[in-house]
N, C-alpha and C. Protein backbone atom coordinates (compact mmCIF):
# COMPACT_ATOMS: atom_id res chain seq x y z
N UNK A 1 145.66 -58.76 -105.27
CA UNK A 1 144.58 -58.21 -104.49
C UNK A 1 145.06 -57.97 -103.05
N UNK A 2 144.70 -56.85 -102.50
CA UNK A 2 145.05 -56.53 -101.12
C UNK A 2 144.12 -57.25 -100.15
N UNK A 3 144.63 -57.55 -98.98
CA UNK A 3 143.86 -58.29 -97.99
C UNK A 3 142.54 -57.59 -97.65
N UNK A 4 142.60 -56.27 -97.47
CA UNK A 4 141.40 -55.52 -97.11
C UNK A 4 140.35 -55.61 -98.22
N UNK A 5 140.80 -55.56 -99.46
CA UNK A 5 139.89 -55.67 -100.59
C UNK A 5 139.24 -57.05 -100.63
N UNK A 6 140.06 -58.08 -100.42
CA UNK A 6 139.51 -59.44 -100.42
C UNK A 6 138.47 -59.59 -99.31
N UNK A 7 138.78 -59.08 -98.14
CA UNK A 7 137.84 -59.23 -97.03
C UNK A 7 136.50 -58.57 -97.36
N UNK A 8 136.54 -57.38 -97.92
CA UNK A 8 135.30 -56.68 -98.29
C UNK A 8 134.50 -57.50 -99.30
N UNK A 9 135.18 -58.08 -100.27
CA UNK A 9 134.50 -58.90 -101.28
C UNK A 9 133.97 -60.20 -100.68
N UNK A 10 134.77 -60.84 -99.85
CA UNK A 10 134.36 -62.11 -99.24
C UNK A 10 133.09 -61.93 -98.42
N UNK A 11 133.01 -60.83 -97.71
CA UNK A 11 131.84 -60.56 -96.87
C UNK A 11 130.57 -60.49 -97.71
N UNK A 12 130.69 -59.99 -98.92
CA UNK A 12 129.50 -59.86 -99.78
C UNK A 12 128.96 -61.20 -100.24
N UNK A 13 129.76 -62.26 -100.13
CA UNK A 13 129.30 -63.58 -100.56
C UNK A 13 128.89 -64.46 -99.38
N UNK A 14 128.89 -63.90 -98.19
CA UNK A 14 128.59 -64.69 -96.99
C UNK A 14 127.08 -64.93 -96.85
N UNK A 15 126.73 -66.21 -96.81
CA UNK A 15 125.34 -66.59 -96.56
C UNK A 15 125.36 -67.59 -95.40
N UNK A 16 125.07 -67.09 -94.23
CA UNK A 16 124.96 -67.94 -93.05
C UNK A 16 124.18 -67.19 -92.00
N UNK A 17 123.64 -67.88 -91.01
CA UNK A 17 122.86 -67.21 -89.97
C UNK A 17 123.73 -66.21 -89.19
N UNK A 18 123.47 -64.94 -89.35
CA UNK A 18 124.32 -63.91 -88.75
C UNK A 18 124.40 -64.02 -87.23
N UNK A 19 123.32 -64.49 -86.60
CA UNK A 19 123.35 -64.62 -85.14
C UNK A 19 124.30 -65.73 -84.69
N UNK A 20 124.68 -66.60 -85.62
CA UNK A 20 125.64 -67.67 -85.33
C UNK A 20 126.93 -67.50 -86.14
N UNK A 21 127.17 -66.28 -86.58
CA UNK A 21 128.30 -66.03 -87.47
C UNK A 21 129.65 -66.43 -86.91
N UNK A 22 129.87 -66.15 -85.65
CA UNK A 22 131.16 -66.47 -85.04
C UNK A 22 131.39 -67.98 -85.03
N UNK A 23 130.41 -68.72 -84.57
CA UNK A 23 130.54 -70.17 -84.51
C UNK A 23 130.61 -70.76 -85.92
N UNK A 24 129.74 -70.28 -86.80
CA UNK A 24 129.68 -70.80 -88.17
C UNK A 24 131.02 -70.64 -88.88
N UNK A 25 131.61 -69.45 -88.79
CA UNK A 25 132.86 -69.20 -89.50
C UNK A 25 134.03 -69.95 -88.85
N UNK A 26 134.04 -70.06 -87.53
CA UNK A 26 135.11 -70.80 -86.85
C UNK A 26 135.05 -72.29 -87.22
N UNK A 27 133.86 -72.86 -87.23
CA UNK A 27 133.72 -74.27 -87.60
C UNK A 27 134.04 -74.49 -89.07
N UNK A 28 133.62 -73.56 -89.91
CA UNK A 28 133.94 -73.66 -91.34
C UNK A 28 135.43 -73.61 -91.59
N UNK A 29 136.13 -72.75 -90.86
CA UNK A 29 137.58 -72.65 -90.99
C UNK A 29 138.24 -73.97 -90.63
N UNK A 30 137.80 -74.58 -89.55
CA UNK A 30 138.36 -75.88 -89.14
C UNK A 30 138.10 -76.93 -90.21
N UNK A 31 136.89 -76.94 -90.75
CA UNK A 31 136.55 -77.92 -91.78
C UNK A 31 137.39 -77.76 -93.03
N UNK A 32 137.56 -76.53 -93.48
CA UNK A 32 138.34 -76.30 -94.70
C UNK A 32 139.82 -76.60 -94.48
N UNK A 33 140.34 -76.27 -93.30
CA UNK A 33 141.74 -76.60 -93.00
C UNK A 33 141.92 -78.12 -93.01
N UNK A 34 140.91 -78.83 -92.52
CA UNK A 34 140.94 -80.28 -92.57
C UNK A 34 140.95 -80.80 -94.00
N UNK A 35 140.23 -80.14 -94.88
CA UNK A 35 140.22 -80.55 -96.29
C UNK A 35 141.59 -80.35 -96.93
N UNK A 36 142.31 -79.30 -96.55
CA UNK A 36 143.68 -79.11 -97.04
C UNK A 36 144.53 -80.30 -96.61
N UNK A 37 144.43 -80.66 -95.33
CA UNK A 37 145.20 -81.79 -94.81
C UNK A 37 144.84 -83.08 -95.52
N UNK A 38 143.57 -83.29 -95.81
CA UNK A 38 143.12 -84.50 -96.51
C UNK A 38 143.72 -84.60 -97.90
N UNK A 39 143.76 -83.48 -98.61
CA UNK A 39 144.33 -83.48 -99.96
C UNK A 39 145.80 -83.89 -99.91
N UNK A 40 146.52 -83.38 -98.94
CA UNK A 40 147.95 -83.70 -98.80
C UNK A 40 148.13 -85.15 -98.37
N UNK A 41 147.29 -85.60 -97.45
CA UNK A 41 147.36 -87.00 -97.00
C UNK A 41 147.15 -87.95 -98.17
N UNK A 42 146.15 -87.68 -98.99
CA UNK A 42 145.86 -88.55 -100.13
C UNK A 42 146.96 -88.48 -101.18
N UNK A 43 147.57 -87.31 -101.32
CA UNK A 43 148.71 -87.17 -102.23
C UNK A 43 149.84 -88.10 -101.78
N UNK A 44 150.11 -88.10 -100.50
CA UNK A 44 151.17 -88.96 -99.96
C UNK A 44 150.79 -90.43 -100.11
N UNK A 45 149.57 -90.77 -99.73
CA UNK A 45 149.11 -92.16 -99.79
C UNK A 45 149.14 -92.71 -101.21
N UNK A 46 148.69 -91.91 -102.15
CA UNK A 46 148.53 -92.39 -103.52
C UNK A 46 149.72 -92.08 -104.42
N UNK A 47 150.79 -91.50 -103.83
CA UNK A 47 151.95 -91.10 -104.62
C UNK A 47 151.47 -90.27 -105.81
N UNK A 48 150.72 -89.22 -105.48
CA UNK A 48 150.00 -88.45 -106.47
C UNK A 48 150.82 -87.51 -107.33
N UNK A 49 150.10 -86.83 -108.18
CA UNK A 49 150.65 -85.86 -109.12
C UNK A 49 150.73 -84.49 -108.42
N UNK A 50 151.90 -83.89 -108.39
CA UNK A 50 152.11 -82.62 -107.68
C UNK A 50 151.27 -81.50 -108.28
N UNK A 51 151.06 -81.51 -109.58
CA UNK A 51 150.26 -80.44 -110.19
C UNK A 51 148.79 -80.56 -109.79
N UNK A 52 148.29 -81.78 -109.69
CA UNK A 52 146.91 -81.99 -109.22
C UNK A 52 146.81 -81.52 -107.77
N UNK A 53 147.80 -81.87 -106.97
CA UNK A 53 147.81 -81.43 -105.57
C UNK A 53 147.80 -79.91 -105.48
N UNK A 54 148.65 -79.26 -106.26
CA UNK A 54 148.73 -77.80 -106.23
C UNK A 54 147.37 -77.18 -106.57
N UNK A 55 146.71 -77.69 -107.59
CA UNK A 55 145.40 -77.18 -107.99
C UNK A 55 144.38 -77.38 -106.87
N UNK A 56 144.34 -78.60 -106.34
CA UNK A 56 143.36 -78.91 -105.30
C UNK A 56 143.60 -78.12 -104.01
N UNK A 57 144.85 -78.03 -103.60
CA UNK A 57 145.17 -77.30 -102.37
C UNK A 57 144.93 -75.80 -102.55
N UNK A 58 145.21 -75.29 -103.72
CA UNK A 58 144.95 -73.88 -103.99
C UNK A 58 143.47 -73.55 -103.78
N UNK A 59 142.60 -74.41 -104.29
CA UNK A 59 141.16 -74.20 -104.11
C UNK A 59 140.76 -74.26 -102.64
N UNK A 60 141.30 -75.23 -101.94
CA UNK A 60 140.96 -75.37 -100.52
C UNK A 60 141.52 -74.20 -99.70
N UNK A 61 142.72 -73.74 -100.04
CA UNK A 61 143.28 -72.58 -99.34
C UNK A 61 142.44 -71.34 -99.58
N UNK A 62 141.86 -71.23 -100.76
CA UNK A 62 140.93 -70.14 -101.03
C UNK A 62 139.73 -70.20 -100.09
N UNK A 63 139.22 -71.40 -99.85
CA UNK A 63 138.11 -71.55 -98.92
C UNK A 63 138.54 -71.22 -97.49
N UNK A 64 139.76 -71.63 -97.12
CA UNK A 64 140.30 -71.28 -95.80
C UNK A 64 140.36 -69.76 -95.67
N UNK A 65 140.87 -69.10 -96.70
CA UNK A 65 140.98 -67.64 -96.67
C UNK A 65 139.62 -66.98 -96.52
N UNK A 66 138.61 -67.51 -97.22
CA UNK A 66 137.25 -66.97 -97.13
C UNK A 66 136.75 -67.03 -95.69
N UNK A 67 136.94 -68.17 -95.05
CA UNK A 67 136.48 -68.29 -93.66
C UNK A 67 137.29 -67.40 -92.72
N UNK A 68 138.57 -67.27 -92.96
CA UNK A 68 139.38 -66.36 -92.13
C UNK A 68 138.87 -64.93 -92.28
N UNK A 69 138.62 -64.52 -93.51
CA UNK A 69 138.14 -63.15 -93.75
C UNK A 69 136.81 -62.91 -93.06
N UNK A 70 135.91 -63.87 -93.13
CA UNK A 70 134.60 -63.68 -92.52
C UNK A 70 134.63 -63.83 -91.01
N UNK A 71 135.48 -64.71 -90.49
CA UNK A 71 135.65 -64.81 -89.05
C UNK A 71 136.22 -63.51 -88.50
N UNK A 72 137.21 -62.96 -89.17
CA UNK A 72 137.77 -61.67 -88.76
C UNK A 72 136.67 -60.60 -88.77
N UNK A 73 135.85 -60.59 -89.80
CA UNK A 73 134.75 -59.63 -89.88
C UNK A 73 133.79 -59.80 -88.71
N UNK A 74 133.48 -61.03 -88.36
CA UNK A 74 132.58 -61.27 -87.23
C UNK A 74 133.13 -60.67 -85.94
N UNK A 75 134.43 -60.57 -85.85
CA UNK A 75 135.09 -60.02 -84.66
C UNK A 75 135.51 -58.56 -84.84
N UNK A 76 135.02 -57.96 -85.94
CA UNK A 76 135.38 -56.57 -86.27
C UNK A 76 136.89 -56.38 -86.36
N UNK A 77 137.55 -57.34 -86.98
CA UNK A 77 138.99 -57.27 -87.20
C UNK A 77 139.26 -57.10 -88.68
N UNK A 78 140.33 -56.39 -88.99
CA UNK A 78 140.72 -56.13 -90.36
C UNK A 78 141.77 -57.15 -90.79
N UNK A 79 141.52 -57.83 -91.89
CA UNK A 79 142.42 -58.88 -92.37
C UNK A 79 143.81 -58.34 -92.69
N UNK A 80 143.89 -57.15 -93.25
CA UNK A 80 145.18 -56.53 -93.54
C UNK A 80 145.99 -56.26 -92.28
N UNK A 81 145.31 -55.80 -91.25
CA UNK A 81 145.97 -55.54 -89.98
C UNK A 81 146.45 -56.83 -89.34
N UNK A 82 145.62 -57.87 -89.42
CA UNK A 82 146.01 -59.18 -88.88
C UNK A 82 147.28 -59.65 -89.57
N UNK A 83 147.33 -59.56 -90.90
CA UNK A 83 148.49 -60.00 -91.66
C UNK A 83 149.73 -59.19 -91.29
N UNK A 84 149.57 -57.89 -91.21
CA UNK A 84 150.70 -57.02 -90.87
C UNK A 84 151.22 -57.30 -89.47
N UNK A 85 150.30 -57.40 -88.51
CA UNK A 85 150.70 -57.67 -87.13
C UNK A 85 151.42 -59.01 -87.01
N UNK A 86 150.93 -60.01 -87.74
CA UNK A 86 151.55 -61.32 -87.69
C UNK A 86 152.96 -61.28 -88.25
N UNK A 87 153.14 -60.57 -89.36
CA UNK A 87 154.48 -60.44 -89.94
C UNK A 87 155.42 -59.75 -88.96
N UNK A 88 154.97 -58.69 -88.34
CA UNK A 88 155.82 -57.96 -87.40
C UNK A 88 156.19 -58.83 -86.20
N UNK A 89 155.25 -59.63 -85.73
CA UNK A 89 155.53 -60.55 -84.62
C UNK A 89 156.60 -61.55 -85.02
N UNK A 90 156.45 -62.14 -86.21
CA UNK A 90 157.41 -63.14 -86.65
C UNK A 90 158.78 -62.53 -86.95
N UNK A 91 158.77 -61.33 -87.50
CA UNK A 91 160.04 -60.63 -87.78
C UNK A 91 160.77 -60.36 -86.47
N UNK A 92 160.05 -59.94 -85.45
CA UNK A 92 160.66 -59.70 -84.14
C UNK A 92 161.24 -60.98 -83.57
N UNK A 93 160.51 -62.06 -83.68
CA UNK A 93 161.02 -63.34 -83.19
C UNK A 93 162.28 -63.76 -83.94
N UNK A 94 162.28 -63.51 -85.25
CA UNK A 94 163.44 -63.86 -86.05
C UNK A 94 164.64 -63.03 -85.61
N UNK A 95 164.44 -61.75 -85.42
CA UNK A 95 165.54 -60.86 -85.01
C UNK A 95 166.07 -61.23 -83.63
N UNK A 96 165.20 -61.75 -82.78
CA UNK A 96 165.61 -62.15 -81.43
C UNK A 96 166.02 -63.62 -81.37
N UNK A 97 166.02 -64.28 -82.55
CA UNK A 97 166.40 -65.68 -82.66
C UNK A 97 165.54 -66.60 -81.79
N UNK A 98 164.22 -66.34 -81.78
CA UNK A 98 163.29 -67.18 -81.03
C UNK A 98 162.13 -67.67 -81.90
N UNK A 99 162.40 -67.81 -83.21
CA UNK A 99 161.35 -68.33 -84.09
C UNK A 99 160.96 -69.74 -83.71
N UNK A 100 161.93 -70.57 -83.39
CA UNK A 100 161.61 -71.93 -82.96
C UNK A 100 161.28 -71.90 -81.47
N UNK A 101 160.68 -72.96 -81.03
CA UNK A 101 160.26 -73.03 -79.64
C UNK A 101 158.75 -72.95 -79.56
N UNK A 102 158.24 -72.75 -78.37
CA UNK A 102 156.80 -72.70 -78.20
C UNK A 102 156.44 -71.57 -77.26
N UNK A 103 155.16 -71.23 -77.28
CA UNK A 103 154.66 -70.15 -76.43
C UNK A 103 154.32 -68.92 -77.25
N UNK A 104 153.26 -68.26 -76.85
CA UNK A 104 152.81 -67.08 -77.57
C UNK A 104 153.71 -65.87 -77.33
N UNK A 105 154.28 -65.78 -76.16
CA UNK A 105 155.01 -64.56 -75.78
C UNK A 105 156.52 -64.79 -75.82
N UNK A 106 157.00 -65.13 -77.04
CA UNK A 106 158.44 -65.35 -77.19
C UNK A 106 159.10 -64.08 -77.65
C-alpha cells in the first residue's frame, strides 16, 4: 500500500473531536509510541518470545502509523511527501557522512 493511500483510508476511520484534532493526534502518537517501548521492555524483562514480540510490535506500529497519518492530515501534510522528504534528507546526510551526530541542520 502506498503512503498516500493509507493516509486517505486512515482519515476515514478517525473519530475524535475535530476542533482538538491536532492535540488529540499528537497525544495519541506519543501514547502509541510508548506502547511500542513497553512491549520491547517487557520482552527484555521476561526474556520473551521474539515471534510474540514481532506480532505485538507490528500491531502497535500500525497504531503509530495511524496517528502519524492523521496528525499529518490535521496539518494538511501528505504522508507520502513526508516519507520522501525524510529519505532525501537522510540520503544527503549519508552522502555527506553526517548521519551520526546531532542537530537538525546537518
